Amino acid sequence: MEDPIQRLVRALKTLPGVGEKNAIRIAHHVMTGTREAGLELSGALADLVERARPCETCGVPSLGARCATCTDPRRDAGIVCVVEKFPDMLAIERSGEYRGLYHVLGGVLSPLDGVGPAELRLAALKARVKAGGVREVLIATNPTTEGEATAAYIADMLSASGVPLTRIASGIPMGGDIEYADRHTVARALRGRHAIKEREEQ
């Protein structure tokens, strides 16, 4: 049978940002910790894998058909913030500046990596806007080449909808990731959002 430590290290290395050294460090921590802590960790992981599913509306991990954000009556359902991935949503939530809903694409357009419109939740976004009730679509893809291309694609896709489209402002540096920005930077970017058409005309 495979060594359980090696198995854990290999599994940890599949996580984003976890290399060989960090994987070994985490595995050692689990191995030398209490049995209760180890079982709690394994139980939490098993529970997440078994029960979590994408929210049918926005795509974030949820324990029900719709997530807590989408079902919260205190949120402004007329504003939909489009993000690449779930961690970007969490970063925006930490800013405390946004009270609308979200739409998680699941990535960005990247032809070289084989990621086209069909691989992202773009059709679901279009259908969501078409269904009515959306007053603004805030595009908060990362300011990378792929993120900008995806934002342009969304703007073109929704151009005939009549719904105002805005883009997250430059508080997020070019080439940076929303996920790793501090809450003040994200808050500044949200406050400074602008209409995409206005930006193109300037």
N, C-alpha and C. Protein backbone atom coordinates (compact mmCIF):
# COMPACT_ATOMS: atom_id res chain seq x y z
N MET A 1 0.84 -1.21 0.00
CA MET A 1 0.00 0.00 0.00
C MET A 1 0.86 1.25 0.00
N GLU A 2 0.35 2.31 -0.61
CA GLU A 2 1.10 3.56 -0.69
C GLU A 2 1.21 4.21 0.69
N ASP A 3 2.36 4.79 0.94
CA ASP A 3 2.60 5.52 2.18
C ASP A 3 1.55 6.64 2.28
N PRO A 4 0.76 6.72 3.38
CA PRO A 4 -0.27 7.75 3.50
C PRO A 4 0.28 9.17 3.51
N ILE A 5 1.51 9.33 4.00
CA ILE A 5 2.10 10.67 4.00
C ILE A 5 2.39 11.12 2.58
N GLN A 6 2.96 10.22 1.78
CA GLN A 6 3.24 10.54 0.38
C GLN A 6 1.95 10.80 -0.39
N ARG A 7 0.92 10.05 -0.07
CA ARG A 7 -0.37 10.24 -0.72
C ARG A 7 -0.94 11.62 -0.39
N LEU A 8 -0.83 12.03 0.88
CA LEU A 8 -1.32 13.34 1.28
C LEU A 8 -0.53 14.45 0.62
N VAL A 9 0.80 14.31 0.58
CA VAL A 9 1.66 15.31 -0.05
C VAL A 9 1.28 15.47 -1.53
N ARG A 10 1.09 14.34 -2.20
CA ARG A 10 0.73 14.39 -3.62
C ARG A 10 -0.62 15.09 -3.82
N ALA A 11 -1.58 14.80 -2.93
CA ALA A 11 -2.90 15.41 -3.02
C ALA A 11 -2.83 16.91 -2.75
N LEU A 12 -2.02 17.31 -1.76
CA LEU A 12 -1.90 18.73 -1.41
C LEU A 12 -1.25 19.52 -2.54
N LYS A 13 -0.34 18.90 -3.27
CA LYS A 13 0.36 19.58 -4.36
C LYS A 13 -0.56 19.94 -5.51
N THR A 14 -1.75 19.33 -5.56
CA THR A 14 -2.70 19.67 -6.63
C THR A 14 -3.44 20.97 -6.32
N LEU A 15 -3.32 21.47 -5.09
CA LEU A 15 -3.99 22.70 -4.71
C LEU A 15 -3.23 23.91 -5.25
N PRO A 16 -3.93 24.97 -5.63
CA PRO A 16 -3.25 26.16 -6.15
C PRO A 16 -2.36 26.81 -5.09
N GLY A 17 -1.12 27.13 -5.47
CA GLY A 17 -0.19 27.80 -4.57
C GLY A 17 0.52 26.90 -3.59
N VAL A 18 0.28 25.59 -3.67
CA VAL A 18 0.93 24.65 -2.75
C VAL A 18 1.97 23.84 -3.52
N GLY A 19 3.24 24.10 -3.20
CA GLY A 19 4.33 23.35 -3.82
C GLY A 19 4.78 22.20 -2.94
N GLU A 20 5.88 21.59 -3.31
CA GLU A 20 6.40 20.43 -2.59
C GLU A 20 6.68 20.74 -1.12
N LYS A 21 7.38 21.86 -0.86
CA LYS A 21 7.76 22.19 0.52
C LYS A 21 6.54 22.46 1.39
N ASN A 22 5.61 23.25 0.86
CA ASN A 22 4.41 23.55 1.64
C ASN A 22 3.56 22.31 1.87
N ALA A 23 3.50 21.45 0.87
CA ALA A 23 2.73 20.21 1.00
C ALA A 23 3.32 19.34 2.10
N ILE A 24 4.63 19.24 2.14
CA ILE A 24 5.30 18.45 3.19
C ILE A 24 5.06 19.07 4.55
N ARG A 25 5.12 20.40 4.62
CA ARG A 25 4.91 21.10 5.89
C ARG A 25 3.48 20.86 6.41
N ILE A 26 2.51 20.93 5.53
CA ILE A 26 1.12 20.72 5.93
C ILE A 26 0.91 19.27 6.36
N ALA A 27 1.48 18.35 5.59
CA ALA A 27 1.34 16.93 5.92
C ALA A 27 1.96 16.63 7.29
N HIS A 28 3.10 17.23 7.56
CA HIS A 28 3.76 17.04 8.85
C HIS A 28 2.91 17.59 9.98
N HIS A 29 2.28 18.75 9.73
CA HIS A 29 1.42 19.37 10.74
C HIS A 29 0.23 18.46 11.06
N VAL A 30 -0.37 17.90 10.01
CA VAL A 30 -1.50 16.99 10.21
C VAL A 30 -1.07 15.75 10.97
N MET A 31 0.10 15.22 10.60
CA MET A 31 0.60 13.98 11.19
C MET A 31 0.95 14.14 12.67
N THR A 32 1.48 15.31 13.02
CA THR A 32 1.91 15.52 14.41
C THR A 32 0.84 16.18 15.27
N GLY A 33 -0.28 16.57 14.66
CA GLY A 33 -1.37 17.18 15.41
C GLY A 33 -2.21 16.13 16.12
N THR A 34 -3.28 16.58 16.74
CA THR A 34 -4.15 15.65 17.46
C THR A 34 -4.99 14.84 16.48
N ARG A 35 -5.41 13.68 16.93
CA ARG A 35 -6.26 12.83 16.10
C ARG A 35 -7.58 13.54 15.79
N GLU A 36 -8.11 14.26 16.77
CA GLU A 36 -9.37 14.96 16.59
C GLU A 36 -9.26 16.02 15.49
N ALA A 37 -8.14 16.77 15.49
CA ALA A 37 -7.95 17.81 14.48
C ALA A 37 -7.85 17.20 13.08
N GLY A 38 -7.14 16.08 12.98
CA GLY A 38 -7.01 15.41 11.69
C GLY A 38 -8.34 14.89 11.17
N LEU A 39 -9.13 14.31 12.07
CA LEU A 39 -10.44 13.79 11.67
C LEU A 39 -11.40 14.92 11.30
N GLU A 40 -11.28 16.04 12.01
CA GLU A 40 -12.13 17.20 11.69
C GLU A 40 -11.81 17.72 10.29
N LEU A 41 -10.52 17.77 9.96
CA LEU A 41 -10.10 18.22 8.63
C LEU A 41 -10.60 17.28 7.54
N SER A 42 -10.38 15.98 7.75
CA SER A 42 -10.82 15.01 6.73
C SER A 42 -12.34 15.00 6.61
N GLY A 43 -13.03 15.17 7.73
CA GLY A 43 -14.49 15.20 7.70
C GLY A 43 -15.02 16.42 6.96
N ALA A 44 -14.37 17.57 7.19
CA ALA A 44 -14.79 18.80 6.52
C ALA A 44 -14.60 18.69 5.02
N LEU A 45 -13.48 18.09 4.62
CA LEU A 45 -13.21 17.91 3.19
C LEU A 45 -14.22 16.97 2.55
N ALA A 46 -14.49 15.85 3.22
CA ALA A 46 -15.45 14.88 2.70
C ALA A 46 -16.84 15.49 2.59
N ASP A 47 -17.21 16.28 3.60
CA ASP A 47 -18.53 16.91 3.62
C ASP A 47 -18.67 17.90 2.47
N LEU A 48 -17.58 18.65 2.23
CA LEU A 48 -17.59 19.64 1.15
C LEU A 48 -17.74 18.96 -0.21
N VAL A 49 -16.96 17.90 -0.42
CA VAL A 49 -16.99 17.20 -1.70
C VAL A 49 -18.36 16.56 -1.94
N GLU A 50 -18.96 16.01 -0.89
CA GLU A 50 -20.23 15.31 -1.03
C GLU A 50 -21.43 16.26 -1.19
N ARG A 51 -21.39 17.41 -0.51
CA ARG A 51 -22.60 18.24 -0.44
C ARG A 51 -22.56 19.51 -1.28
N ALA A 52 -21.39 20.09 -1.51
CA ALA A 52 -21.31 21.37 -2.21
C ALA A 52 -21.54 21.20 -3.71
N ARG A 53 -22.35 22.08 -4.25
CA ARG A 53 -22.65 22.12 -5.68
C ARG A 53 -22.69 23.59 -6.11
N PRO A 54 -22.44 23.86 -7.40
CA PRO A 54 -22.53 25.25 -7.85
C PRO A 54 -23.96 25.78 -7.72
N CYS A 55 -24.10 27.00 -7.24
CA CYS A 55 -25.40 27.66 -7.17
C CYS A 55 -25.97 27.74 -8.59
N GLU A 56 -27.23 27.38 -8.76
CA GLU A 56 -27.83 27.36 -10.09
C GLU A 56 -27.98 28.75 -10.69
N THR A 57 -27.88 29.79 -9.85
CA THR A 57 -28.00 31.16 -10.35
C THR A 57 -26.65 31.78 -10.64
N CYS A 58 -25.76 31.78 -9.65
CA CYS A 58 -24.49 32.51 -9.81
C CYS A 58 -23.27 31.63 -10.01
N GLY A 59 -23.36 30.35 -9.60
CA GLY A 59 -22.24 29.44 -9.82
C GLY A 59 -21.28 29.28 -8.66
N VAL A 60 -21.50 29.97 -7.53
CA VAL A 60 -20.60 29.81 -6.39
C VAL A 60 -20.93 28.51 -5.66
N PRO A 61 -19.99 27.95 -4.91
CA PRO A 61 -20.27 26.72 -4.17
C PRO A 61 -21.42 26.92 -3.19
N SER A 62 -22.35 25.98 -3.17
CA SER A 62 -23.54 26.10 -2.34
C SER A 62 -23.97 24.74 -1.83
N LEU A 63 -24.61 24.72 -0.68
CA LEU A 63 -25.13 23.48 -0.12
C LEU A 63 -26.57 23.24 -0.56
N GLY A 64 -27.16 24.21 -1.24
CA GLY A 64 -28.51 24.07 -1.74
C GLY A 64 -28.55 24.44 -3.21
N ALA A 65 -29.74 24.45 -3.79
CA ALA A 65 -29.88 24.80 -5.20
C ALA A 65 -29.40 26.23 -5.46
N ARG A 66 -29.64 27.12 -4.48
CA ARG A 66 -29.19 28.51 -4.60
C ARG A 66 -28.40 28.88 -3.35
N CYS A 67 -27.39 29.71 -3.53
CA CYS A 67 -26.48 30.06 -2.43
C CYS A 67 -27.10 31.10 -1.49
N ALA A 68 -26.42 31.33 -0.38
CA ALA A 68 -26.91 32.27 0.63
C ALA A 68 -26.95 33.70 0.11
N THR A 69 -26.03 34.05 -0.79
CA THR A 69 -26.01 35.41 -1.34
C THR A 69 -27.22 35.65 -2.24
N CYS A 70 -27.50 34.70 -3.12
CA CYS A 70 -28.61 34.85 -4.07
C CYS A 70 -29.97 34.86 -3.37
N THR A 71 -30.07 34.23 -2.22
CA THR A 71 -31.35 34.15 -1.51
C THR A 71 -31.48 35.21 -0.40
N ASP A 72 -30.46 36.05 -0.27
CA ASP A 72 -30.48 37.08 0.77
C ASP A 72 -31.34 38.26 0.31
N PRO A 73 -32.47 38.54 0.95
CA PRO A 73 -33.35 39.63 0.53
C PRO A 73 -32.73 41.01 0.71
N ARG A 74 -31.64 41.11 1.46
CA ARG A 74 -31.00 42.40 1.68
C ARG A 74 -30.07 42.80 0.54
N ARG A 75 -29.78 41.84 -0.37
CA ARG A 75 -28.90 42.14 -1.51
C ARG A 75 -29.70 42.82 -2.62
N ASP A 76 -29.02 43.66 -3.40
CA ASP A 76 -29.64 44.34 -4.53
C ASP A 76 -29.56 43.41 -5.75
N ALA A 77 -30.69 42.78 -6.07
CA ALA A 77 -30.72 41.82 -7.18
C ALA A 77 -30.62 42.48 -8.54
N GLY A 78 -30.67 43.81 -8.60
CA GLY A 78 -30.60 44.51 -9.87
C GLY A 78 -29.18 44.71 -10.38
N ILE A 79 -28.19 44.44 -9.53
CA ILE A 79 -26.78 44.60 -9.94
C ILE A 79 -26.12 43.23 -9.90
N VAL A 80 -25.49 42.86 -11.00
CA VAL A 80 -24.80 41.58 -11.08
C VAL A 80 -23.31 41.82 -11.36
N CYS A 81 -22.47 41.38 -10.46
CA CYS A 81 -21.01 41.52 -10.60
C CYS A 81 -20.44 40.23 -11.18
N VAL A 82 -19.81 40.34 -12.34
CA VAL A 82 -19.24 39.18 -13.03
C VAL A 82 -17.78 39.01 -12.63
N VAL A 83 -17.45 37.87 -12.06
CA VAL A 83 -16.07 37.59 -11.64
C VAL A 83 -15.59 36.30 -12.31
N GLU A 84 -14.28 36.12 -12.31
CA GLU A 84 -13.70 34.93 -12.92
C GLU A 84 -13.94 33.69 -12.05
N LYS A 85 -13.59 33.80 -10.76
CA LYS A 85 -13.65 32.64 -9.88
C LYS A 85 -14.17 33.03 -8.49
N PHE A 86 -14.53 32.03 -7.72
CA PHE A 86 -15.09 32.22 -6.39
C PHE A 86 -14.19 33.07 -5.47
N PRO A 87 -12.85 32.85 -5.45
CA PRO A 87 -12.00 33.69 -4.58
C PRO A 87 -12.11 35.19 -4.90
N ASP A 88 -12.38 35.54 -6.17
CA ASP A 88 -12.54 36.95 -6.53
C ASP A 88 -13.79 37.52 -5.86
N MET A 89 -14.84 36.71 -5.83
CA MET A 89 -16.07 37.13 -5.15
C MET A 89 -15.80 37.38 -3.67
N LEU A 90 -15.05 36.48 -3.04
CA LEU A 90 -14.75 36.64 -1.62
C LEU A 90 -13.95 37.92 -1.36
N ALA A 91 -13.03 38.24 -2.27
CA ALA A 91 -12.24 39.46 -2.11
C ALA A 91 -13.13 40.69 -2.20
N ILE A 92 -14.09 40.68 -3.11
CA ILE A 92 -15.02 41.81 -3.25
C ILE A 92 -15.91 41.91 -2.01
N GLU A 93 -16.35 40.78 -1.50
CA GLU A 93 -17.17 40.78 -0.29
C GLU A 93 -16.41 41.38 0.89
N ARG A 94 -15.12 41.08 0.98
CA ARG A 94 -14.30 41.62 2.09
C ARG A 94 -14.21 43.13 2.04
N SER A 95 -14.36 43.72 0.86
CA SER A 95 -14.24 45.17 0.74
C SER A 95 -15.39 45.89 1.45
N GLY A 96 -16.53 45.21 1.56
CA GLY A 96 -17.69 45.82 2.20
C GLY A 96 -18.38 46.88 1.36
N GLU A 97 -17.97 47.05 0.10
CA GLU A 97 -18.50 48.10 -0.77
C GLU A 97 -19.62 47.64 -1.68
N TYR A 98 -19.82 46.35 -1.79
CA TYR A 98 -20.76 45.84 -2.80
C TYR A 98 -21.88 45.06 -2.14
N ARG A 99 -23.12 45.35 -2.54
CA ARG A 99 -24.28 44.67 -1.96
C ARG A 99 -25.18 44.05 -3.01
N GLY A 100 -24.68 43.88 -4.22
CA GLY A 100 -25.46 43.25 -5.27
C GLY A 100 -25.22 41.74 -5.30
N LEU A 101 -25.55 41.12 -6.44
CA LEU A 101 -25.35 39.69 -6.61
C LEU A 101 -24.13 39.43 -7.50
N TYR A 102 -23.82 38.17 -7.73
CA TYR A 102 -22.62 37.78 -8.47
C TYR A 102 -22.96 36.82 -9.61
N HIS A 103 -21.99 36.71 -10.52
CA HIS A 103 -22.04 35.67 -11.54
C HIS A 103 -20.60 35.19 -11.75
N VAL A 104 -20.33 33.94 -11.41
CA VAL A 104 -18.99 33.38 -11.52
C VAL A 104 -18.84 32.69 -12.87
N LEU A 105 -17.88 33.14 -13.66
CA LEU A 105 -17.67 32.58 -14.99
C LEU A 105 -17.01 31.21 -14.97
N GLY A 106 -16.14 31.01 -14.00
CA GLY A 106 -15.38 29.75 -13.95
C GLY A 106 -14.06 29.83 -14.68
N GLY A 107 -13.60 31.06 -14.97
CA GLY A 107 -12.33 31.25 -15.67
C GLY A 107 -12.42 32.42 -16.63
N VAL A 108 -11.51 32.45 -17.59
CA VAL A 108 -11.48 33.51 -18.61
C VAL A 108 -11.24 32.87 -19.97
N LEU A 109 -11.56 33.63 -21.01
CA LEU A 109 -11.31 33.15 -22.36
C LEU A 109 -9.81 33.03 -22.59
N SER A 110 -9.39 31.88 -23.04
CA SER A 110 -7.97 31.64 -23.29
C SER A 110 -7.84 30.58 -24.39
N PRO A 111 -7.89 31.00 -25.66
CA PRO A 111 -7.83 30.05 -26.78
C PRO A 111 -6.62 29.12 -26.75
N LEU A 112 -5.49 29.64 -26.29
CA LEU A 112 -4.28 28.80 -26.24
C LEU A 112 -4.43 27.64 -25.26
N ASP A 113 -5.26 27.84 -24.24
CA ASP A 113 -5.50 26.79 -23.25
C ASP A 113 -6.78 26.01 -23.55
N GLY A 114 -7.38 26.29 -24.68
CA GLY A 114 -8.59 25.58 -25.06
C GLY A 114 -9.84 26.04 -24.32
N VAL A 115 -9.81 27.26 -23.78
CA VAL A 115 -10.97 27.79 -23.05
C VAL A 115 -11.69 28.81 -23.93
N GLY A 116 -12.83 28.41 -24.45
CA GLY A 116 -13.65 29.29 -25.27
C GLY A 116 -14.92 29.65 -24.54
N PRO A 117 -15.84 30.37 -25.19
CA PRO A 117 -17.11 30.76 -24.55
C PRO A 117 -17.91 29.59 -24.00
N ALA A 118 -17.85 28.45 -24.67
CA ALA A 118 -18.64 27.28 -24.23
C ALA A 118 -18.13 26.72 -22.91
N GLU A 119 -16.88 26.96 -22.58
CA GLU A 119 -16.30 26.43 -21.34
C GLU A 119 -16.59 27.32 -20.14
N LEU A 120 -17.10 28.50 -20.37
CA LEU A 120 -17.42 29.44 -19.29
C LEU A 120 -18.93 29.60 -19.15
N ARG A 121 -19.36 30.21 -18.07
CA ARG A 121 -20.79 30.38 -17.81
C ARG A 121 -21.31 31.68 -18.46
N LEU A 122 -20.96 31.86 -19.73
CA LEU A 122 -21.35 33.06 -20.46
C LEU A 122 -22.80 32.97 -20.94
N ALA A 123 -23.20 31.80 -21.41
CA ALA A 123 -24.59 31.63 -21.86
C ALA A 123 -25.55 31.83 -20.70
N ALA A 124 -25.16 31.36 -19.52
CA ALA A 124 -25.99 31.52 -18.33
C ALA A 124 -26.12 33.00 -17.96
N LEU A 125 -25.04 33.77 -18.14
CA LEU A 125 -25.07 35.20 -17.87
C LEU A 125 -26.02 35.90 -18.84
N LYS A 126 -25.92 35.56 -20.11
CA LYS A 126 -26.79 36.16 -21.12
C LYS A 126 -28.26 35.88 -20.82
N ALA A 127 -28.54 34.63 -20.45
CA ALA A 127 -29.92 34.25 -20.13
C ALA A 127 -30.41 34.97 -18.88
N ARG A 128 -29.53 35.16 -17.94
CA ARG A 128 -29.88 35.84 -16.69
C ARG A 128 -30.26 37.29 -16.95
N VAL A 129 -29.51 37.95 -17.81
CA VAL A 129 -29.81 39.35 -18.15
C VAL A 129 -31.09 39.42 -18.97
N LYS A 130 -31.25 38.49 -19.89
CA LYS A 130 -32.43 38.46 -20.76
C LYS A 130 -33.71 38.24 -19.96
N ALA A 131 -33.60 37.53 -18.84
CA ALA A 131 -34.78 37.22 -18.02
C ALA A 131 -35.37 38.48 -17.39
N GLY A 132 -34.60 39.55 -17.32
CA GLY A 132 -35.09 40.81 -16.79
C GLY A 132 -34.75 41.02 -15.32
N GLY A 133 -34.90 42.25 -14.87
CA GLY A 133 -34.65 42.59 -13.47
C GLY A 133 -33.24 43.07 -13.19
N VAL A 134 -32.33 42.98 -14.19
CA VAL A 134 -30.95 43.42 -13.99
C VAL A 134 -30.80 44.85 -14.48
N ARG A 135 -30.37 45.74 -13.62
CA ARG A 135 -30.19 47.16 -13.96
C ARG A 135 -28.76 47.49 -14.35
N GLU A 136 -27.81 46.67 -13.90
CA GLU A 136 -26.40 46.94 -14.18
C GLU A 136 -25.62 45.64 -14.12
N VAL A 137 -24.69 45.49 -15.06
CA VAL A 137 -23.75 44.38 -15.03
C VAL A 137 -22.37 44.97 -14.81
N LEU A 138 -21.79 44.66 -13.67
CA LEU A 138 -20.45 45.14 -13.32
C LEU A 138 -19.44 44.04 -13.66
N ILE A 139 -18.58 44.30 -14.63
CA ILE A 139 -17.60 43.31 -15.06
C ILE A 139 -16.34 43.48 -14.23
N ALA A 140 -16.03 42.45 -13.43
CA ALA A 140 -14.88 42.51 -12.52
C ALA A 140 -13.90 41.39 -12.80
N THR A 141 -13.64 41.15 -14.09
CA THR A 141 -12.59 40.19 -14.43
C THR A 141 -11.25 40.85 -14.12
N ASN A 142 -10.22 40.03 -13.92
CA ASN A 142 -8.91 40.56 -13.56
C ASN A 142 -8.31 41.38 -14.70
N PRO A 143 -7.52 42.41 -14.38
CA PRO A 143 -6.91 43.25 -15.41
C PRO A 143 -5.69 42.60 -16.06
N THR A 144 -5.91 41.43 -16.63
CA THR A 144 -4.88 40.71 -17.39
C THR A 144 -5.31 40.71 -18.85
N THR A 145 -4.45 40.23 -19.73
CA THR A 145 -4.81 40.16 -21.15
C THR A 145 -6.07 39.34 -21.36
N GLU A 146 -6.12 38.17 -20.69
CA GLU A 146 -7.28 37.29 -20.83
C GLU A 146 -8.53 37.91 -20.18
N GLY A 147 -8.31 38.56 -19.02
CA GLY A 147 -9.43 39.19 -18.33
C GLY A 147 -10.04 40.32 -19.14
N GLU A 148 -9.18 41.12 -19.78
CA GLU A 148 -9.66 42.22 -20.60
C GLU A 148 -10.39 41.69 -21.83
N ALA A 149 -9.86 40.61 -22.43
CA ALA A 149 -10.51 40.01 -23.60
C ALA A 149 -11.88 39.46 -23.23
N THR A 150 -11.98 38.87 -22.05
CA THR A 150 -13.25 38.33 -21.58
C THR A 150 -14.25 39.45 -21.31
N ALA A 151 -13.77 40.55 -20.72
CA ALA A 151 -14.64 41.71 -20.47
C ALA A 151 -15.17 42.27 -21.78
N ALA A 152 -14.31 42.35 -22.80
CA ALA A 152 -14.73 42.86 -24.11
C ALA A 152 -15.76 41.93 -24.74
N TYR A 153 -15.56 40.63 -24.58
CA TYR A 153 -16.51 39.65 -25.13
C TYR A 153 -17.87 39.81 -24.47
N ILE A 154 -17.88 39.97 -23.15
CA ILE A 154 -19.14 40.13 -22.41
C ILE A 154 -19.84 41.41 -22.85
N ALA A 155 -19.06 42.49 -23.00
CA ALA A 155 -19.64 43.77 -23.43
C ALA A 155 -20.31 43.63 -24.79
N ASP A 156 -19.66 42.92 -25.70
CA ASP A 156 -20.23 42.71 -27.03
C ASP A 156 -21.46 41.81 -26.95
N MET A 157 -21.37 40.77 -26.13
CA MET A 157 -22.47 39.81 -25.99
C MET A 157 -23.74 40.46 -25.44
N LEU A 158 -23.56 41.42 -24.53
CA LEU A 158 -24.71 42.05 -23.88
C LEU A 158 -25.05 43.43 -24.44
N SER A 159 -24.39 43.81 -25.52
CA SER A 159 -24.57 45.16 -26.05
C SER A 159 -26.01 45.46 -26.46
N ALA A 160 -26.72 44.44 -26.94
CA ALA A 160 -28.09 44.65 -27.41
C ALA A 160 -29.13 44.55 -26.29
N SER A 161 -28.68 44.24 -25.07
CA SER A 161 -29.62 44.02 -23.97
C SER A 161 -30.21 45.31 -23.42
N GLY A 162 -29.49 46.42 -23.62
CA GLY A 162 -29.93 47.69 -23.08
C GLY A 162 -29.57 47.89 -21.62
N VAL A 163 -28.95 46.89 -21.02
CA VAL A 163 -28.54 46.99 -19.61
C VAL A 163 -27.18 47.69 -19.53
N PRO A 164 -27.05 48.72 -18.70
CA PRO A 164 -25.76 49.40 -18.56
C PRO A 164 -24.66 48.45 -18.10
N LEU A 165 -23.50 48.54 -18.75
CA LEU A 165 -22.35 47.72 -18.39
C LEU A 165 -21.27 48.60 -17.80
N THR A 166 -20.73 48.19 -16.66
CA THR A 166 -19.64 48.94 -16.04
C THR A 166 -18.46 48.00 -15.85
N ARG A 167 -17.29 48.60 -15.69
CA ARG A 167 -16.05 47.83 -15.52
C ARG A 167 -15.39 48.25 -14.22
N ILE A 168 -14.87 47.30 -13.48
CA ILE A 168 -14.18 47.62 -12.23
C ILE A 168 -13.04 48.60 -12.52
N ALA A 169 -12.83 49.58 -11.65
CA ALA A 169 -11.86 50.65 -11.90
C ALA A 169 -10.43 50.19 -11.67
N SER A 170 -9.51 51.12 -11.87
CA SER A 170 -8.08 50.79 -11.89
C SER A 170 -7.43 50.65 -10.52
N GLY A 171 -8.22 50.47 -9.49
CA GLY A 171 -7.62 50.21 -8.19
C GLY A 171 -6.88 48.88 -8.19
N ILE A 172 -7.28 47.99 -9.09
CA ILE A 172 -6.59 46.71 -9.25
C ILE A 172 -5.52 46.90 -10.32
N PRO A 173 -4.24 46.65 -10.03
CA PRO A 173 -3.18 46.91 -11.00
C PRO A 173 -3.23 45.96 -12.19
N MET A 174 -2.78 46.45 -13.35
CA MET A 174 -2.71 45.63 -14.55
C MET A 174 -1.82 44.42 -14.28
N GLY A 175 -2.31 43.26 -14.61
CA GLY A 175 -1.56 42.03 -14.38
C GLY A 175 -1.78 41.43 -13.00
N GLY A 176 -2.57 42.13 -12.15
CA GLY A 176 -2.81 41.64 -10.80
C GLY A 176 -4.06 40.79 -10.71
N ASP A 177 -4.26 40.15 -9.58
CA ASP A 177 -5.43 39.31 -9.33
C ASP A 177 -6.26 39.91 -8.21
N ILE A 178 -7.57 39.98 -8.43
CA ILE A 178 -8.48 40.51 -7.41
C ILE A 178 -8.36 39.71 -6.12
N GLU A 179 -8.17 38.40 -6.28
CA GLU A 179 -8.11 37.50 -5.12
C GLU A 179 -7.08 37.94 -4.10
N TYR A 180 -5.94 38.50 -4.57
CA TYR A 180 -4.83 38.83 -3.67
C TYR A 180 -4.77 40.31 -3.29
N ALA A 181 -5.74 41.09 -3.77
CA ALA A 181 -5.75 42.52 -3.44
C ALA A 181 -6.29 42.73 -2.03
N ASP A 182 -5.77 43.76 -1.35
CA ASP A 182 -6.29 44.06 -0.02
C ASP A 182 -7.66 44.71 -0.14
N ARG A 183 -8.40 44.72 0.95
CA ARG A 183 -9.80 45.16 0.89
C ARG A 183 -9.94 46.64 0.53
N HIS A 184 -8.95 47.47 0.89
CA HIS A 184 -9.03 48.89 0.56
C HIS A 184 -8.87 49.11 -0.93
N THR A 185 -7.98 48.34 -1.56
CA THR A 185 -7.78 48.44 -3.01
C THR A 185 -9.04 48.01 -3.75
N VAL A 186 -9.64 46.91 -3.30
CA VAL A 186 -10.86 46.42 -3.93
C VAL A 186 -12.00 47.43 -3.74
N ALA A 187 -12.10 48.00 -2.55
CA ALA A 187 -13.14 48.99 -2.27
C ALA A 187 -12.98 50.20 -3.19
N ARG A 188 -11.75 50.67 -3.38
CA ARG A 188 -11.49 51.83 -4.25
C ARG A 188 -11.86 51.51 -5.70
N ALA A 189 -11.56 50.30 -6.13
CA ALA A 189 -11.88 49.89 -7.49
C ALA A 189 -13.38 49.82 -7.71
N LEU A 190 -14.11 49.34 -6.71
CA LEU A 190 -15.57 49.25 -6.83
C LEU A 190 -16.21 50.64 -6.86
N ARG A 191 -15.71 51.54 -6.01
CA ARG A 191 -16.28 52.89 -5.97
C ARG A 191 -16.02 53.64 -7.28
N GLY A 192 -14.90 53.33 -7.94
CA GLY A 192 -14.53 54.06 -9.15
C GLY A 192 -14.95 53.40 -10.45
N ARG A 193 -15.88 52.46 -10.40
CA ARG A 193 -16.30 51.79 -11.63
C ARG A 193 -16.94 52.79 -12.58
N HIS A 194 -16.90 52.48 -13.88
CA HIS A 194 -17.37 53.40 -14.90
C HIS A 194 -18.07 52.63 -16.01
N ALA A 195 -18.84 53.34 -16.79
CA ALA A 195 -19.52 52.71 -17.92
C ALA A 195 -18.49 52.36 -18.99
N ILE A 196 -18.60 51.17 -19.55
CA ILE A 196 -17.63 50.72 -20.55
C ILE A 196 -17.68 51.59 -21.80
N LYS A 197 -18.88 51.97 -22.24
CA LYS A 197 -18.99 52.79 -23.44
C LYS A 197 -18.29 54.14 -23.27
N GLU A 198 -18.47 54.75 -22.09
CA GLU A 198 -17.85 56.04 -21.81
C GLU A 198 -16.34 55.93 -21.89
N ARG A 199 -15.81 54.82 -21.39
CA ARG A 199 -14.36 54.62 -21.40
C ARG A 199 -13.86 54.50 -22.83
N GLU A 200 -14.62 53.78 -23.68
CA GLU A 200 -14.18 53.56 -25.05
C GLU A 200 -14.22 54.85 -25.87
N GLU A 201 -15.16 55.76 -25.51
CA GLU A 201 -15.30 57.00 -26.27
C GLU A 201 -14.24 58.03 -25.90
N GLN A 202 -13.64 57.88 -24.70
CA GLN A 202 -12.66 58.86 -24.23
C GLN A 202 -11.32 58.73 -24.95
